[in-house]
């Protein structure tokens, strides 16, 4: 983004002064750069790996990146709230400057890739104010790509203003998705949806970073993205990036509950409409299947009720 565009609206402020969206945008970028520098420095070295669940990884790099990120944000905006992947939620200080702000921080999106030496991961930082998402940054520290957006200010990659793809037909679209860590517990609904898109789109990719998936939709590398069971820190910058690049973002029902509901469908307007139609069809088929299963269960219960304790049919006396 041109320097003049980046600095528009920026003010050097201290405690008690009102923040401008330009400053918030630059704060997101600087925080992401600092976290990314930690990840790049540790890249390729021995990692300490812990587990938050059966297969949900967290490394010492995640924690180190988040520590640097939060130290910067706490010093710059001491009264604001934070929701971070590793350290959780920190409430805003009542009445303090910046208390209307809430930061969303993912210090390493794509931890499994990082831990296995796959060079595809990012740092996510976004901030909301009283009017919703205000600014966000997704930073790929290995490629040096900073995807940056602010409300009303467009989406940018360096000096290039981003725009979603012009593909207007799902069958010609390159889609991307991901699976949650707990997919092994209930794989069928997600696999049905994956199959439906695989049969309708040109191709589907799964790269392991929702943050970069959404950034790639914003810049037109991918035509569309869908994923379920995401967290706010996974998607907050990407929602703003896609919207500021001219795309549309919704939850799986077509609503606006992505940050809390966890499902996201993002694409250019034409492709997103078709993706939502597929979602509706798959949900309808699933409901029809559930009703059929319930009917079979009821029929089986009635049959068993007509049999005696040993399974023999009852006879009238």
C-alpha atoms as a PDB file:
ATOM      1  CA  UNK A   1       0.000   0.000   0.000  1.00  0.00           C
ATOM      2  CA  UNK A   2       1.413   3.455  -0.802  1.00  0.00           C
ATOM      3  CA  UNK A   3       2.912   5.274   2.168  1.00  0.00           C
ATOM      4  CA  UNK A   4       0.400   8.089   1.855  1.00  0.00           C
ATOM      5  CA  UNK A   5      -2.452   5.575   1.982  1.00  0.00           C
ATOM      6  CA  UNK A   6      -0.992   3.730   4.954  1.00  0.00           C
ATOM      7  CA  UNK A   7      -0.521   6.912   6.950  1.00  0.00           C
ATOM      8  CA  UNK A   8      -3.929   8.403   6.187  1.00  0.00           C
ATOM      9  CA  UNK A   9      -5.706   9.031   9.452  1.00  0.00           C
ATOM     10  CA  UNK A  10      -2.740   8.025  11.595  1.00  0.00           C
ATOM     11  CA  UNK A  11      -2.081  10.107  14.683  1.00  0.00           C
ATOM     12  CA  UNK A  12       0.629   9.697  17.275  1.00  0.00           C
ATOM     13  CA  UNK A  13      -1.412   9.248  20.401  1.00  0.00           C
ATOM     14  CA  UNK A  14      -0.908   8.660  24.066  1.00  0.00           C
ATOM     15  CA  UNK A  15      -3.233   7.431  26.761  1.00  0.00           C
ATOM     16  CA  UNK A  16      -6.645   9.041  26.653  1.00  0.00           C
ATOM     17  CA  UNK A  17      -6.614   9.978  22.970  1.00  0.00           C
ATOM     18  CA  UNK A  18      -9.026   8.582  20.408  1.00  0.00           C
ATOM     19  CA  UNK A  19      -7.554   6.094  17.937  1.00  0.00           C
ATOM     20  CA  UNK A  20      -8.012   6.424  14.192  1.00  0.00           C
ATOM     21  CA  UNK A  21      -8.576   3.480  11.867  1.00  0.00           C
ATOM     22  CA  UNK A  22      -5.313   4.291  10.125  1.00  0.00           C
ATOM     23  CA  UNK A  23      -3.422   3.839  13.357  1.00  0.00           C
ATOM     24  CA  UNK A  24      -5.252   0.625  14.118  1.00  0.00           C
ATOM     25  CA  UNK A  25      -4.329  -0.714  10.696  1.00  0.00           C
ATOM     26  CA  UNK A  26      -0.671   0.090  11.234  1.00  0.00           C
ATOM     27  CA  UNK A  27      -0.753  -1.385  14.726  1.00  0.00           C
ATOM     28  CA  UNK A  28      -2.113  -4.646  13.290  1.00  0.00           C
ATOM     29  CA  UNK A  29       0.673  -4.684  10.717  1.00  0.00           C
ATOM     30  CA  UNK A  30       3.412  -3.922  13.241  1.00  0.00           C
ATOM     31  CA  UNK A  31       2.152  -6.519  15.707  1.00  0.00           C
ATOM     32  CA  UNK A  32       1.992  -9.133  12.949  1.00  0.00           C
ATOM     33  CA  UNK A  33       5.506  -8.242  11.790  1.00  0.00           C
ATOM     34  CA  UNK A  34       6.867  -8.660  15.301  1.00  0.00           C
ATOM     35  CA  UNK A  35       5.211 -12.022  15.754  1.00  0.00           C
ATOM     36  CA  UNK A  36       6.329 -13.093  12.291  1.00  0.00           C
ATOM     37  CA  UNK A  37       9.939 -12.171  13.072  1.00  0.00           C
ATOM     38  CA  UNK A  38       9.843 -14.606  15.993  1.00  0.00           C
ATOM     39  CA  UNK A  39       8.445 -17.387  13.805  1.00  0.00           C
ATOM     40  CA  UNK A  40      11.010 -16.785  11.086  1.00  0.00           C
ATOM     41  CA  UNK A  41      13.878 -16.800  13.597  1.00  0.00           C
ATOM     42  CA  UNK A  42      12.740 -20.139  15.020  1.00  0.00           C
ATOM     43  CA  UNK A  43      11.890 -21.671  11.636  1.00  0.00           C
ATOM     44  CA  UNK A  44      13.874 -24.826  10.934  1.00  0.00           C
ATOM     45  CA  UNK A  45      15.156 -25.202  14.494  1.00  0.00           C
ATOM     46  CA  UNK A  46      14.146 -27.756  17.084  1.00  0.00           C
ATOM     47  CA  UNK A  47      10.595 -27.226  18.350  1.00  0.00           C
ATOM     48  CA  UNK A  48       9.019 -28.027  21.692  1.00  0.00           C
ATOM     49  CA  UNK A  49       5.561 -29.405  20.946  1.00  0.00           C
ATOM     50  CA  UNK A  50       2.660 -29.784  23.356  1.00  0.00           C
ATOM     51  CA  UNK A  51      -0.925 -30.860  22.784  1.00  0.00           C
ATOM     52  CA  UNK A  52      -4.113 -28.948  23.633  1.00  0.00           C
ATOM     53  CA  UNK A  53      -6.206 -31.943  22.611  1.00  0.00           C
ATOM     54  CA  UNK A  54      -5.770 -35.253  20.867  1.00  0.00           C
ATOM     55  CA  UNK A  55      -4.014 -33.778  17.790  1.00  0.00           C
ATOM     56  CA  UNK A  56      -4.229 -29.994  18.384  1.00  0.00           C
ATOM     57  CA  UNK A  57      -0.618 -28.816  18.518  1.00  0.00           C
ATOM     58  CA  UNK A  58       0.958 -25.830  20.212  1.00  0.00           C
ATOM     59  CA  UNK A  59       4.676 -25.094  19.948  1.00  0.00           C
ATOM     60  CA  UNK A  60       7.105 -22.893  21.823  1.00  0.00           C
ATOM     61  CA  UNK A  61       7.083 -20.703  18.688  1.00  0.00           C
ATOM     62  CA  UNK A  62       3.318 -20.065  19.076  1.00  0.00           C
ATOM     63  CA  UNK A  63       3.847 -18.913  22.645  1.00  0.00           C
ATOM     64  CA  UNK A  64       6.920 -16.809  21.888  1.00  0.00           C
ATOM     65  CA  UNK A  65       5.201 -15.062  18.979  1.00  0.00           C
ATOM     66  CA  UNK A  66       2.125 -14.321  21.088  1.00  0.00           C
ATOM     67  CA  UNK A  67       4.215 -12.952  23.945  1.00  0.00           C
ATOM     68  CA  UNK A  68       5.924 -10.445  21.648  1.00  0.00           C
ATOM     69  CA  UNK A  69       2.634  -9.529  19.977  1.00  0.00           C
ATOM     70  CA  UNK A  70       0.747  -8.931  23.203  1.00  0.00           C
ATOM     71  CA  UNK A  71       3.604  -6.948  24.736  1.00  0.00           C
ATOM     72  CA  UNK A  72       3.416  -4.532  21.806  1.00  0.00           C
ATOM     73  CA  UNK A  73      -0.370  -4.226  21.883  1.00  0.00           C
ATOM     74  CA  UNK A  74      -0.501  -3.865  25.684  1.00  0.00           C
ATOM     75  CA  UNK A  75       1.975  -1.001  25.571  1.00  0.00           C
ATOM     76  CA  UNK A  76       0.276   0.729  22.637  1.00  0.00           C
ATOM     77  CA  UNK A  77      -3.349   0.152  23.725  1.00  0.00           C
ATOM     78  CA  UNK A  78      -3.226  -0.711  27.431  1.00  0.00           C
ATOM     79  CA  UNK A  79      -6.960  -0.446  28.099  1.00  0.00           C
ATOM     80  CA  UNK A  80      -8.247  -2.621  25.256  1.00  0.00           C
ATOM     81  CA  UNK A  81      -9.588  -6.161  25.358  1.00  0.00           C
ATOM     82  CA  UNK A  82      -7.740  -9.074  23.788  1.00  0.00           C
ATOM     83  CA  UNK A  83      -8.789 -12.503  22.573  1.00  0.00           C
ATOM     84  CA  UNK A  84      -5.666 -14.547  21.837  1.00  0.00           C
ATOM     85  CA  UNK A  85      -5.408 -18.202  20.866  1.00  0.00           C
ATOM     86  CA  UNK A  86      -2.870 -19.300  23.453  1.00  0.00           C
ATOM     87  CA  UNK A  87      -3.502 -17.014  26.442  1.00  0.00           C
ATOM     88  CA  UNK A  88      -7.251 -16.612  26.027  1.00  0.00           C
ATOM     89  CA  UNK A  89      -9.387 -13.544  26.755  1.00  0.00           C
ATOM     90  CA  UNK A  90      -8.379 -10.391  28.603  1.00  0.00           C
ATOM     91  CA  UNK A  91     -11.209  -7.945  29.355  1.00  0.00           C
ATOM     92  CA  UNK A  92     -11.000  -4.230  28.648  1.00  0.00           C
ATOM     93  CA  UNK A  93     -10.187  -1.868  31.488  1.00  0.00           C
ATOM     94  CA  UNK A  94     -13.414  -0.044  32.341  1.00  0.00           C
ATOM     95  CA  UNK A  95     -13.236   3.627  31.449  1.00  0.00           C
ATOM     96  CA  UNK A  96      -9.680   3.417  30.109  1.00  0.00           C
ATOM     97  CA  UNK A  97      -8.542   4.794  26.771  1.00  0.00           C
ATOM     98  CA  UNK A  98      -9.076   2.188  24.078  1.00  0.00           C
ATOM     99  CA  UNK A  99     -11.572   0.199  26.131  1.00  0.00           C
ATOM    100  CA  UNK A 100     -13.907   0.083  23.114  1.00  0.00           C
ATOM    101  CA  UNK A 101     -11.299  -1.922  21.200  1.00  0.00           C
ATOM    102  CA  UNK A 102     -10.954  -5.701  21.075  1.00  0.00           C
ATOM    103  CA  UNK A 103      -7.934  -7.397  19.529  1.00  0.00           C
ATOM    104  CA  UNK A 104      -7.991 -10.833  17.911  1.00  0.00           C
ATOM    105  CA  UNK A 105      -4.604 -12.539  17.884  1.00  0.00           C
ATOM    106  CA  UNK A 106      -3.441 -15.794  16.338  1.00  0.00           C
ATOM    107  CA  UNK A 107       0.345 -15.863  16.749  1.00  0.00           C
ATOM    108  CA  UNK A 108       0.749 -18.839  14.413  1.00  0.00           C
ATOM    109  CA  UNK A 109      -2.022 -19.974  12.095  1.00  0.00           C
ATOM    110  CA  UNK A 110      -0.891 -23.232  10.556  1.00  0.00           C
ATOM    111  CA  UNK A 111       0.864 -24.686  13.597  1.00  0.00           C
ATOM    112  CA  UNK A 112       0.805 -28.239  12.215  1.00  0.00           C
ATOM    113  CA  UNK A 113       2.499 -27.034   9.029  1.00  0.00           C
ATOM    114  CA  UNK A 114       5.089 -25.145  11.069  1.00  0.00           C
ATOM    115  CA  UNK A 115       5.827 -28.096  13.346  1.00  0.00           C
ATOM    116  CA  UNK A 116       6.313 -30.402  10.360  1.00  0.00           C
ATOM    117  CA  UNK A 117       8.481 -27.996   8.384  1.00  0.00           C
ATOM    118  CA  UNK A 118       5.804 -27.142   5.812  1.00  0.00           C
ATOM    119  CA  UNK A 119       6.438 -23.508   4.761  1.00  0.00           C
ATOM    120  CA  UNK A 120       2.838 -22.302   4.832  1.00  0.00           C
ATOM    121  CA  UNK A 121       1.684 -20.419   7.927  1.00  0.00           C
ATOM    122  CA  UNK A 122       0.859 -16.883   9.046  1.00  0.00           C
ATOM    123  CA  UNK A 123       0.304 -14.445  11.878  1.00  0.00           C
ATOM    124  CA  UNK A 124      -3.193 -12.983  12.293  1.00  0.00           C
ATOM    125  CA  UNK A 125      -4.017  -9.713  14.065  1.00  0.00           C
ATOM    126  CA  UNK A 126      -7.314  -7.824  13.883  1.00  0.00           C
ATOM    127  CA  UNK A 127      -9.174  -5.252  15.938  1.00  0.00           C
ATOM    128  CA  UNK A 128     -12.825  -4.332  16.328  1.00  0.00           C
ATOM    129  CA  UNK A 129     -14.412  -1.167  17.675  1.00  0.00           C
ATOM    130  CA  UNK A 130     -17.988  -0.113  18.301  1.00  0.00           C
ATOM    131  CA  UNK A 131     -18.784  -0.405  14.589  1.00  0.00           C
ATOM    132  CA  UNK A 132     -17.357  -3.891  14.052  1.00  0.00           C
ATOM    133  CA  UNK A 133     -14.089  -5.031  12.524  1.00  0.00           C
ATOM    134  CA  UNK A 134     -11.911  -1.982  11.958  1.00  0.00           C
ATOM    135  CA  UNK A 135      -8.559  -3.312  10.743  1.00  0.00           C
ATOM    136  CA  UNK A 136      -6.685  -6.535  10.231  1.00  0.00           C
ATOM    137  CA  UNK A 137      -3.403  -8.000   9.067  1.00  0.00           C
ATOM    138  CA  UNK A 138      -2.376 -11.455   7.899  1.00  0.00           C
ATOM    139  CA  UNK A 139       1.391 -11.816   7.583  1.00  0.00           C
ATOM    140  CA  UNK A 140       3.284 -14.637   5.893  1.00  0.00           C
ATOM    141  CA  UNK A 141       6.778 -14.249   7.363  1.00  0.00           C
ATOM    142  CA  UNK A 142       8.541 -16.642   4.985  1.00  0.00           C
ATOM    143  CA  UNK A 143       7.250 -14.990   1.809  1.00  0.00           C
ATOM    144  CA  UNK A 144       7.236 -11.532   3.378  1.00  0.00           C
ATOM    145  CA  UNK A 145       3.638 -10.967   2.291  1.00  0.00           C
ATOM    146  CA  UNK A 146       1.599  -8.596   4.440  1.00  0.00           C
ATOM    147  CA  UNK A 147      -2.126  -8.657   3.666  1.00  0.00           C
ATOM    148  CA  UNK A 148      -3.649  -5.550   5.223  1.00  0.00           C
ATOM    149  CA  UNK A 149      -7.176  -4.152   5.363  1.00  0.00           C
ATOM    150  CA  UNK A 150      -9.119  -1.430   7.123  1.00  0.00           C
ATOM    151  CA  UNK A 151     -12.814  -0.618   7.144  1.00  0.00           C
ATOM    152  CA  UNK A 152     -13.500   1.586   4.140  1.00  0.00           C
ATOM    153  CA  UNK A 153      -9.802   1.700   3.225  1.00  0.00           C
ATOM    154  CA  UNK A 154      -9.552  -1.310   0.943  1.00  0.00           C
ATOM    155  CA  UNK A 155      -7.417  -4.429   1.121  1.00  0.00           C
ATOM    156  CA  UNK A 156      -3.749  -4.333   0.194  1.00  0.00           C
ATOM    157  CA  UNK A 157      -0.707  -6.500  -0.420  1.00  0.00           C
ATOM    158  CA  UNK A 158       2.212  -4.115  -0.345  1.00  0.00           C
ATOM    159  CA  UNK A 159       1.387  -1.388  -2.850  1.00  0.00           C
ATOM    160  CA  UNK A 160      -1.143  -3.543  -4.713  1.00  0.00           C
ATOM    161  CA  UNK A 161      -4.801  -2.985  -3.988  1.00  0.00           C
ATOM    162  CA  UNK A 162      -6.533  -6.338  -3.802  1.00  0.00           C
ATOM    163  CA  UNK A 163      -9.639  -7.516  -5.610  1.00  0.00           C
ATOM    164  CA  UNK A 164     -11.387 -10.854  -5.524  1.00  0.00           C
ATOM    165  CA  UNK A 165     -11.466 -12.988  -8.645  1.00  0.00           C
ATOM    166  CA  UNK A 166     -13.891 -12.387 -11.513  1.00  0.00           C
ATOM    167  CA  UNK A 167     -14.792 -16.046 -11.920  1.00  0.00           C
ATOM    168  CA  UNK A 168     -18.570 -16.211 -12.128  1.00  0.00           C
ATOM    169  CA  UNK A 169     -19.262 -19.942 -12.237  1.00  0.00           C
ATOM    170  CA  UNK A 170     -18.613 -22.456  -9.468  1.00  0.00           C
ATOM    171  CA  UNK A 171     -17.640 -25.120 -11.984  1.00  0.00           C
ATOM    172  CA  UNK A 172     -14.671 -22.949 -13.058  1.00  0.00           C
ATOM    173  CA  UNK A 173     -13.637 -22.070  -9.504  1.00  0.00           C
ATOM    174  CA  UNK A 174     -10.592 -23.061  -7.496  1.00  0.00           C
ATOM    175  CA  UNK A 175     -11.793 -23.464  -3.915  1.00  0.00           C
ATOM    176  CA  UNK A 176      -9.960 -23.957  -0.647  1.00  0.00           C
ATOM    177  CA  UNK A 177     -10.974 -25.385   2.703  1.00  0.00           C
ATOM    178  CA  UNK A 178      -9.707 -26.910   5.907  1.00  0.00           C
ATOM    179  CA  UNK A 179     -10.789 -29.442   8.484  1.00  0.00           C
ATOM    180  CA  UNK A 180     -11.014 -28.863  12.246  1.00  0.00           C
ATOM    181  CA  UNK A 181      -8.796 -30.740  14.669  1.00  0.00           C
ATOM    182  CA  UNK A 182     -11.784 -32.703  15.958  1.00  0.00           C
ATOM    183  CA  UNK A 183     -12.954 -33.932  12.548  1.00  0.00           C
ATOM    184  CA  UNK A 184     -12.304 -37.529  13.593  1.00  0.00           C
ATOM    185  CA  UNK A 185     -15.138 -37.242  16.111  1.00  0.00           C
ATOM    186  CA  UNK A 186     -17.816 -36.333  13.529  1.00  0.00           C
ATOM    187  CA  UNK A 187     -16.373 -36.517  10.004  1.00  0.00           C
ATOM    188  CA  UNK A 188     -19.497 -37.301   7.970  1.00  0.00           C
ATOM    189  CA  UNK A 189     -21.128 -33.824   7.707  1.00  0.00           C
ATOM    190  CA  UNK A 190     -17.867 -32.172   6.680  1.00  0.00           C
ATOM    191  CA  UNK A 191     -16.980 -34.919   4.232  1.00  0.00           C
ATOM    192  CA  UNK A 192     -20.424 -34.686   2.601  1.00  0.00           C
ATOM    193  CA  UNK A 193     -19.846 -30.990   2.051  1.00  0.00           C
ATOM    194  CA  UNK A 194     -16.319 -31.569   0.779  1.00  0.00           C
ATOM    195  CA  UNK A 195     -17.645 -34.133  -1.715  1.00  0.00           C
ATOM    196  CA  UNK A 196     -20.361 -31.735  -2.889  1.00  0.00           C
ATOM    197  CA  UNK A 197     -17.873 -28.973  -3.677  1.00  0.00           C
ATOM    198  CA  UNK A 198     -15.377 -31.414  -5.166  1.00  0.00           C
ATOM    199  CA  UNK A 199     -18.048 -32.548  -7.620  1.00  0.00           C
ATOM    200  CA  UNK A 200     -19.054 -29.002  -8.604  1.00  0.00           C
ATOM    201  CA  UNK A 201     -15.834 -26.950  -8.594  1.00  0.00           C
ATOM    202  CA  UNK A 202     -12.817 -27.062 -10.888  1.00  0.00           C
ATOM    203  CA  UNK A 203     -10.628 -28.134  -7.966  1.00  0.00           C
ATOM    204  CA  UNK A 204     -10.293 -27.927  -4.189  1.00  0.00           C
ATOM    205  CA  UNK A 205      -7.120 -27.238  -2.207  1.00  0.00           C
ATOM    206  CA  UNK A 206      -6.390 -27.765   1.477  1.00  0.00           C
ATOM    207  CA  UNK A 207      -3.247 -25.930   2.614  1.00  0.00           C
ATOM    208  CA  UNK A 208      -3.645 -25.891   6.400  1.00  0.00           C
ATOM    209  CA  UNK A 209      -4.016 -22.168   7.169  1.00  0.00           C
ATOM    210  CA  UNK A 210      -7.445 -20.526   7.179  1.00  0.00           C
ATOM    211  CA  UNK A 211      -5.736 -17.156   7.573  1.00  0.00           C
ATOM    212  CA  UNK A 212      -3.880 -17.506   4.275  1.00  0.00           C
ATOM    213  CA  UNK A 213      -6.861 -19.170   2.596  1.00  0.00           C
ATOM    214  CA  UNK A 214      -8.950 -16.043   3.196  1.00  0.00           C
ATOM    215  CA  UNK A 215      -6.100 -13.739   2.208  1.00  0.00           C
ATOM    216  CA  UNK A 216      -5.731 -15.690  -1.037  1.00  0.00           C
ATOM    217  CA  UNK A 217      -9.460 -15.294  -1.733  1.00  0.00           C
ATOM    218  CA  UNK A 218      -9.061 -11.545  -1.184  1.00  0.00           C
ATOM    219  CA  UNK A 219      -6.292 -11.318  -3.780  1.00  0.00           C
ATOM    220  CA  UNK A 220      -7.946 -13.638  -6.293  1.00  0.00           C
ATOM    221  CA  UNK A 221      -5.618 -16.635  -5.989  1.00  0.00           C
ATOM    222  CA  UNK A 222      -8.565 -18.704  -4.787  1.00  0.00           C
ATOM    223  CA  UNK A 223     -12.130 -18.125  -5.943  1.00  0.00           C
ATOM    224  CA  UNK A 224     -13.802 -19.277  -2.745  1.00  0.00           C
ATOM    225  CA  UNK A 225     -13.304 -20.684   0.738  1.00  0.00           C
ATOM    226  CA  UNK A 226     -15.428 -22.570   3.226  1.00  0.00           C
ATOM    227  CA  UNK A 227     -14.660 -24.065   6.613  1.00  0.00           C
ATOM    228  CA  UNK A 228     -16.465 -24.963   9.841  1.00  0.00           C
ATOM    229  CA  UNK A 229     -15.551 -24.858  13.537  1.00  0.00           C
ATOM    230  CA  UNK A 230     -13.161 -21.935  13.238  1.00  0.00           C
ATOM    231  CA  UNK A 231     -12.264 -19.476  15.984  1.00  0.00           C
ATOM    232  CA  UNK A 232     -12.507 -15.699  15.838  1.00  0.00           C
ATOM    233  CA  UNK A 233      -8.711 -15.291  15.736  1.00  0.00           C
ATOM    234  CA  UNK A 234      -8.551 -17.603  12.691  1.00  0.00           C
ATOM    235  CA  UNK A 235     -10.841 -15.461  10.546  1.00  0.00           C
ATOM    236  CA  UNK A 236     -11.169 -11.887  11.845  1.00  0.00           C
ATOM    237  CA  UNK A 237      -8.525 -10.323   9.540  1.00  0.00           C
ATOM    238  CA  UNK A 238      -9.630 -12.470   6.597  1.00  0.00           C
ATOM    239  CA  UNK A 239     -13.271 -11.422   6.871  1.00  0.00           C
ATOM    240  CA  UNK A 240     -12.235  -7.790   6.496  1.00  0.00           C
ATOM    241  CA  UNK A 241      -9.712  -8.561   3.746  1.00  0.00           C
ATOM    242  CA  UNK A 242     -12.286 -10.325   1.581  1.00  0.00           C
ATOM    243  CA  UNK A 243     -14.981  -7.719   2.116  1.00  0.00           C
ATOM    244  CA  UNK A 244     -12.642  -4.802   1.410  1.00  0.00           C
ATOM    245  CA  UNK A 245     -11.479  -6.605  -1.737  1.00  0.00           C
ATOM    246  CA  UNK A 246     -15.060  -6.670  -3.029  1.00  0.00           C
ATOM    247  CA  UNK A 247     -15.999 -10.158  -1.886  1.00  0.00           C
ATOM    248  CA  UNK A 248     -18.693 -11.469   0.399  1.00  0.00           C
ATOM    249  CA  UNK A 249     -18.383 -13.410   3.636  1.00  0.00           C
ATOM    250  CA  UNK A 250     -21.157 -15.224   5.497  1.00  0.00           C
ATOM    251  CA  UNK A 251     -21.682 -18.116   7.850  1.00  0.00           C
ATOM    252  CA  UNK A 252     -23.061 -21.385   6.507  1.00  0.00           C
ATOM    253  CA  UNK A 253     -26.650 -20.155   6.807  1.00  0.00           C
ATOM    254  CA  UNK A 254     -25.904 -16.956   4.895  1.00  0.00           C
ATOM    255  CA  UNK A 255     -25.861 -14.909   8.096  1.00  0.00           C
ATOM    256  CA  UNK A 256     -23.216 -12.753   9.754  1.00  0.00           C
ATOM    257  CA  UNK A 257     -22.219 -14.864  12.765  1.00  0.00           C
ATOM    258  CA  UNK A 258     -18.767 -15.921  11.560  1.00  0.00           C
ATOM    259  CA  UNK A 259     -16.806 -14.710  14.584  1.00  0.00           C
ATOM    260  CA  UNK A 260     -18.964 -16.537  17.108  1.00  0.00           C
ATOM    261  CA  UNK A 261     -20.560 -19.325  15.084  1.00  0.00           C
ATOM    262  CA  UNK A 262     -17.310 -20.587  13.572  1.00  0.00           C
ATOM    263  CA  UNK A 263     -18.457 -21.308  10.007  1.00  0.00           C
ATOM    264  CA  UNK A 264     -17.280 -19.216   7.051  1.00  0.00           C
ATOM    265  CA  UNK A 265     -18.157 -19.117   3.347  1.00  0.00           C
ATOM    266  CA  UNK A 266     -16.194 -16.451   1.451  1.00  0.00           C
ATOM    267  CA  UNK A 267     -15.879 -15.714  -2.256  1.00  0.00           C
ATOM    268  CA  UNK A 268     -16.627 -13.153  -4.906  1.00  0.00           C
ATOM    269  CA  UNK A 269     -20.362 -12.345  -5.004  1.00  0.00           C
ATOM    270  CA  UNK A 270     -21.263 -14.687  -7.889  1.00  0.00           C
ATOM    271  CA  UNK A 271     -19.372 -17.703  -6.596  1.00  0.00           C
ATOM    272  CA  UNK A 272     -20.416 -17.191  -2.984  1.00  0.00           C
ATOM    273  CA  UNK A 273     -24.079 -17.271  -3.997  1.00  0.00           C
ATOM    274  CA  UNK A 274     -23.521 -20.648  -5.660  1.00  0.00           C
ATOM    275  CA  UNK A 275     -21.486 -21.937  -2.708  1.00  0.00           C
ATOM    276  CA  UNK A 276     -24.294 -21.036  -0.314  1.00  0.00           C
ATOM    277  CA  UNK A 277     -26.741 -22.896  -2.562  1.00  0.00           C
ATOM    278  CA  UNK A 278     -24.571 -26.004  -2.263  1.00  0.00           C
ATOM    279  CA  UNK A 279     -24.481 -25.578   1.498  1.00  0.00           C
ATOM    280  CA  UNK A 280     -28.265 -25.338   1.628  1.00  0.00           C
ATOM    281  CA  UNK A 281     -28.629 -28.441  -0.545  1.00  0.00           C
ATOM    282  CA  UNK A 282     -26.265 -30.483   1.619  1.00  0.00           C
ATOM    283  CA  UNK A 283     -27.975 -29.358   4.818  1.00  0.00           C
ATOM    284  CA  UNK A 284     -31.341 -30.259   3.314  1.00  0.00           C
ATOM    285  CA  UNK A 285     -30.101 -33.718   2.330  1.00  0.00           C
ATOM    286  CA  UNK A 286     -28.706 -34.225   5.826  1.00  0.00           C
ATOM    287  CA  UNK A 287     -32.026 -33.269   7.419  1.00  0.00           C
ATOM    288  CA  UNK A 288     -33.884 -35.624   5.087  1.00  0.00           C
ATOM    289  CA  UNK A 289     -31.513 -38.411   6.062  1.00  0.00           C
ATOM    290  CA  UNK A 290     -32.024 -37.707   9.745  1.00  0.00           C
ATOM    291  CA  UNK A 291     -35.800 -37.856   9.306  1.00  0.00           C
ATOM    292  CA  UNK A 292     -35.477 -41.157   7.467  1.00  0.00           C
ATOM    293  CA  UNK A 293     -33.293 -42.565  10.258  1.00  0.00           C
ATOM    294  CA  UNK A 294     -35.818 -41.415  12.850  1.00  0.00           C
ATOM    295  CA  UNK A 295     -38.614 -43.084  10.897  1.00  0.00           C
ATOM    296  CA  UNK A 296     -36.700 -46.351  10.709  1.00  0.00           C
ATOM    297  CA  UNK A 297     -35.986 -46.132  14.438  1.00  0.00           C
ATOM    298  CA  UNK A 298     -39.655 -45.643  15.234  1.00  0.00           C
ATOM    299  CA  UNK A 299     -40.662 -48.541  12.977  1.00  0.00           C
ATOM    300  CA  UNK A 300     -38.106 -50.765  14.665  1.00  0.00           C
ATOM    301  CA  UNK A 301     -39.361 -49.788  18.099  1.00  0.00           C
ATOM    302  CA  UNK A 302     -42.931 -50.636  17.091  1.00  0.00           C
ATOM    303  CA  UNK A 303     -41.822 -54.017  15.776  1.00  0.00           C
ATOM    304  CA  UNK A 304     -39.973 -54.790  18.987  1.00  0.00           C
ATOM    305  CA  UNK A 305     -43.028 -53.781  21.009  1.00  0.00           C
ATOM    306  CA  UNK A 306     -45.034 -56.412  19.139  1.00  0.00           C
ATOM    307  CA  UNK A 307     -42.643 -59.134  20.263  1.00  0.00           C
ATOM    308  CA  UNK A 308     -42.399 -60.896  23.576  1.00  0.00           C
ATOM    309  CA  UNK A 309     -39.494 -60.795  26.000  1.00  0.00           C
ATOM    310  CA  UNK A 310     -37.643 -63.522  24.112  1.00  0.00           C
ATOM    311  CA  UNK A 311     -38.317 -61.898  20.769  1.00  0.00           C
ATOM    312  CA  UNK A 312     -41.330 -64.077  19.891  1.00  0.00           C
ATOM    313  CA  UNK A 313     -44.470 -62.439  18.563  1.00  0.00           C
ATOM    314  CA  UNK A 314     -47.133 -61.867  21.176  1.00  0.00           C
ATOM    315  CA  UNK A 315     -50.311 -63.955  20.866  1.00  0.00           C
ATOM    316  CA  UNK A 316     -53.714 -63.038  22.126  1.00  0.00           C
ATOM    317  CA  UNK A 317     -55.191 -65.215  24.871  1.00  0.00           C
END
